[in-house]
Amino acid sequence: MNTMRVAQIPSPKRPFEIVERPIPQPTPGTVRIKVSACGVCHSDALVREGLWPGIQYPRVPGHEVTGTIDAVGAGVIGWTRGHRVGVAWNGGYCGRCDNCRRGNLFACETNQVLAFSARTGVHSMNETFPFERVNEAYARMMSGKARFRVVLTMK
């Protein structure tokens, strides 16, 4: 079985740990992305600190990624292996519910959010850390010294 390395939160208020997990296969209508960089922002901090109700642990944070599509699920049109992609917190919208038809895609009733979100501007407010320094990156973000979010780069 092929595995991938992830930085997970084992339980509330605990340091990140880097572990191996099985690489999932994409389900119909989805793609799998080999992540090259992942943003970890303050909404993830709520999860790490145990402040987000109903969260189950262990949990892998990060919902702003860039990478390359390395597998395509059945029924996917327009995306193929090798495409470079970037994904924001909003994982999509249905285009059919009342909110989507009114143009309020962020409020889609299907709630296709990748993890947790906070509406922010898209500015150059990132600081980059190697994946292995996830705990240092998190501490910097929580200290208030980071500009906004930290980005973990994968090798």
Protein backbone atom coordinates (compact mmCIF):
# COMPACT_ATOMS: atom_id res chain seq x y z
CA MET A 1 0.00 0.00 0.00
CA ASN A 2 1.31 3.44 -0.94
CA THR A 3 1.48 6.00 1.84
CA MET A 4 1.85 9.75 2.22
CA ARG A 5 3.22 11.90 5.03
CA VAL A 6 0.79 14.24 6.77
CA ALA A 7 1.05 16.65 9.70
CA GLN A 8 -1.85 15.75 11.96
CA ILE A 9 -3.27 17.07 15.19
CA PRO A 10 -3.53 13.96 17.41
CA SER A 11 -5.87 15.58 19.95
CA PRO A 12 -6.74 19.10 21.13
CA LYS A 13 -3.88 21.30 22.34
CA ARG A 14 -1.23 18.80 21.23
CA PRO A 15 1.73 19.49 18.91
CA PHE A 16 1.48 18.43 15.28
CA GLU A 17 2.93 15.03 14.50
CA ILE A 18 4.14 13.82 11.13
CA VAL A 19 2.71 10.39 10.34
CA GLU A 20 2.23 8.05 7.38
CA ARG A 21 -1.29 7.47 6.06
CA PRO A 22 -2.59 5.44 3.12
CA ILE A 23 -2.96 7.44 -0.09
CA PRO A 24 -6.71 7.55 -0.84
CA GLN A 25 -8.14 6.87 -4.27
CA PRO A 26 -10.30 9.65 -5.76
CA THR A 27 -14.02 9.01 -5.59
CA PRO A 28 -16.29 9.60 -8.61
CA GLY A 29 -16.35 13.27 -9.59
CA THR A 30 -13.16 14.15 -7.68
CA VAL A 31 -9.43 14.36 -8.32
CA ARG A 32 -6.47 13.59 -6.09
CA ILE A 33 -3.82 16.30 -5.74
CA LYS A 34 -0.20 15.66 -4.88
CA VAL A 35 0.32 18.67 -2.63
CA SER A 36 3.40 20.84 -3.10
CA ALA A 37 2.39 23.57 -0.60
CA CYS A 38 -0.36 23.85 2.00
CA GLY A 39 -1.54 26.90 3.92
CA VAL A 40 -2.33 26.59 7.61
CA CYS A 41 -4.24 29.59 8.94
CA HIS A 42 -6.08 30.70 12.04
CA SER A 43 -9.19 28.62 11.37
CA ASP A 44 -6.89 25.59 11.63
CA ALA A 45 -5.66 26.99 14.95
CA LEU A 46 -9.20 26.73 16.31
CA VAL A 47 -9.08 23.03 15.49
CA ARG A 48 -5.66 22.51 17.07
CA GLU A 49 -6.69 24.32 20.22
CA GLY A 50 -9.90 22.28 20.50
CA LEU A 51 -12.16 25.30 20.01
CA TRP A 52 -14.16 24.04 17.01
CA PRO A 53 -17.23 22.12 18.21
CA GLY A 54 -17.78 18.57 17.03
CA ILE A 55 -14.31 17.97 15.56
CA GLN A 56 -12.98 14.43 15.68
CA TYR A 57 -9.28 13.72 16.11
CA PRO A 58 -6.75 12.93 14.80
CA ARG A 59 -7.23 15.72 12.23
CA VAL A 60 -5.13 16.84 9.28
CA PRO A 61 -5.40 20.64 8.96
CA GLY A 62 -4.84 22.78 5.90
CA HIS A 63 -7.38 23.72 3.28
CA GLU A 64 -5.48 25.98 0.91
CA VAL A 65 -3.24 23.88 -1.31
CA THR A 66 -1.28 23.91 -4.55
CA GLY A 67 -0.05 20.85 -6.33
CA THR A 68 -0.44 18.54 -9.29
CA ILE A 69 -3.37 16.26 -10.10
CA ASP A 70 -2.01 12.72 -9.87
CA ALA A 71 -5.26 10.70 -10.13
CA VAL A 72 -8.70 11.38 -11.60
CA GLY A 73 -11.96 9.82 -10.41
CA ALA A 74 -14.68 8.49 -12.70
CA GLY A 75 -16.82 11.10 -14.43
CA VAL A 76 -14.37 13.99 -14.10
CA ILE A 77 -14.39 16.22 -17.18
CA GLY A 78 -11.78 18.83 -18.02
CA TRP A 79 -9.07 17.76 -15.55
CA THR A 80 -6.29 15.29 -16.23
CA ARG A 81 -3.19 13.94 -14.54
CA GLY A 82 -0.40 16.48 -14.57
CA HIS A 83 -2.55 19.63 -14.33
CA ARG A 84 -1.09 22.12 -11.83
CA VAL A 85 -3.86 23.34 -9.54
CA GLY A 86 -4.51 25.63 -6.60
CA VAL A 87 -7.43 25.11 -4.26
CA ALA A 88 -8.90 27.67 -1.87
CA TRP A 89 -11.11 26.94 1.12
CA ASN A 90 -14.27 26.88 -0.97
CA GLY A 91 -14.24 23.44 -2.53
CA GLY A 92 -17.04 24.19 -4.99
CA TYR A 93 -20.70 24.91 -5.41
CA CYS A 94 -23.69 23.15 -6.96
CA GLY A 95 -25.03 25.97 -9.15
CA ARG A 96 -28.61 24.81 -8.49
CA CYS A 97 -29.59 25.82 -4.94
CA ASP A 98 -31.26 29.17 -4.22
CA ASN A 99 -28.01 30.75 -3.00
CA CYS A 100 -26.06 29.70 -6.10
CA ARG A 101 -28.82 30.89 -8.44
CA ARG A 102 -28.69 34.28 -6.71
CA GLY A 103 -24.93 34.45 -7.23
CA ASN A 104 -24.04 33.77 -3.59
CA LEU A 105 -21.72 30.86 -4.39
CA PHE A 106 -19.92 31.14 -1.04
CA ALA A 107 -23.22 30.21 0.67
CA CYS A 108 -23.98 27.13 -1.44
CA GLU A 109 -26.34 24.80 0.41
CA THR A 110 -24.17 21.78 -0.46
CA ASN A 111 -21.41 23.25 1.75
CA GLN A 112 -18.50 22.03 -0.34
CA VAL A 113 -15.93 23.63 1.96
CA LEU A 114 -12.60 21.81 2.15
CA ALA A 115 -12.18 22.27 5.88
CA PHE A 116 -12.80 25.46 7.81
CA SER A 117 -12.78 28.96 6.49
CA ALA A 118 -12.46 32.61 7.32
CA ARG A 119 -13.04 35.19 4.61
CA THR A 120 -9.85 37.09 4.02
CA GLY A 121 -8.21 39.09 1.31
CA VAL A 122 -5.80 37.46 -1.06
CA HIS A 123 -2.62 39.34 -0.32
CA SER A 124 0.99 38.31 -0.01
CA MET A 125 0.72 37.61 3.70
CA ASN A 126 2.36 34.19 3.84
CA GLU A 127 5.49 32.90 5.50
CA THR A 128 6.97 29.66 4.20
CA PHE A 129 8.34 26.79 6.29
CA PRO A 130 9.50 23.28 5.35
CA PHE A 131 6.93 20.60 6.18
CA GLU A 132 9.17 19.13 8.90
CA ARG A 133 9.05 22.45 10.84
CA VAL A 134 5.25 22.43 11.22
CA ASN A 135 5.33 23.00 15.00
CA GLU A 136 7.69 25.98 14.65
CA ALA A 137 5.50 27.43 11.88
CA TYR A 138 2.40 27.05 14.03
CA ALA A 139 4.07 28.69 17.03
CA ARG A 140 5.09 31.66 14.85
CA MET A 141 1.56 32.06 13.53
CA MET A 142 0.06 31.92 17.02
CA SER A 143 2.62 34.36 18.43
CA GLY A 144 1.19 37.10 16.24
CA LYS A 145 4.55 37.60 14.53
CA ALA A 146 3.57 35.87 11.28
CA ARG A 147 1.98 38.15 8.69
CA PHE A 148 -1.19 36.03 8.39
CA ARG A 149 -0.79 32.38 7.59
CA VAL A 150 2.07 29.96 7.30
CA VAL A 151 2.64 27.78 4.27
CA LEU A 152 4.19 24.35 4.55
CA THR A 153 6.21 23.26 1.55
CA MET A 154 6.52 19.58 0.68
CA LYS A 155 9.54 17.88 -0.88
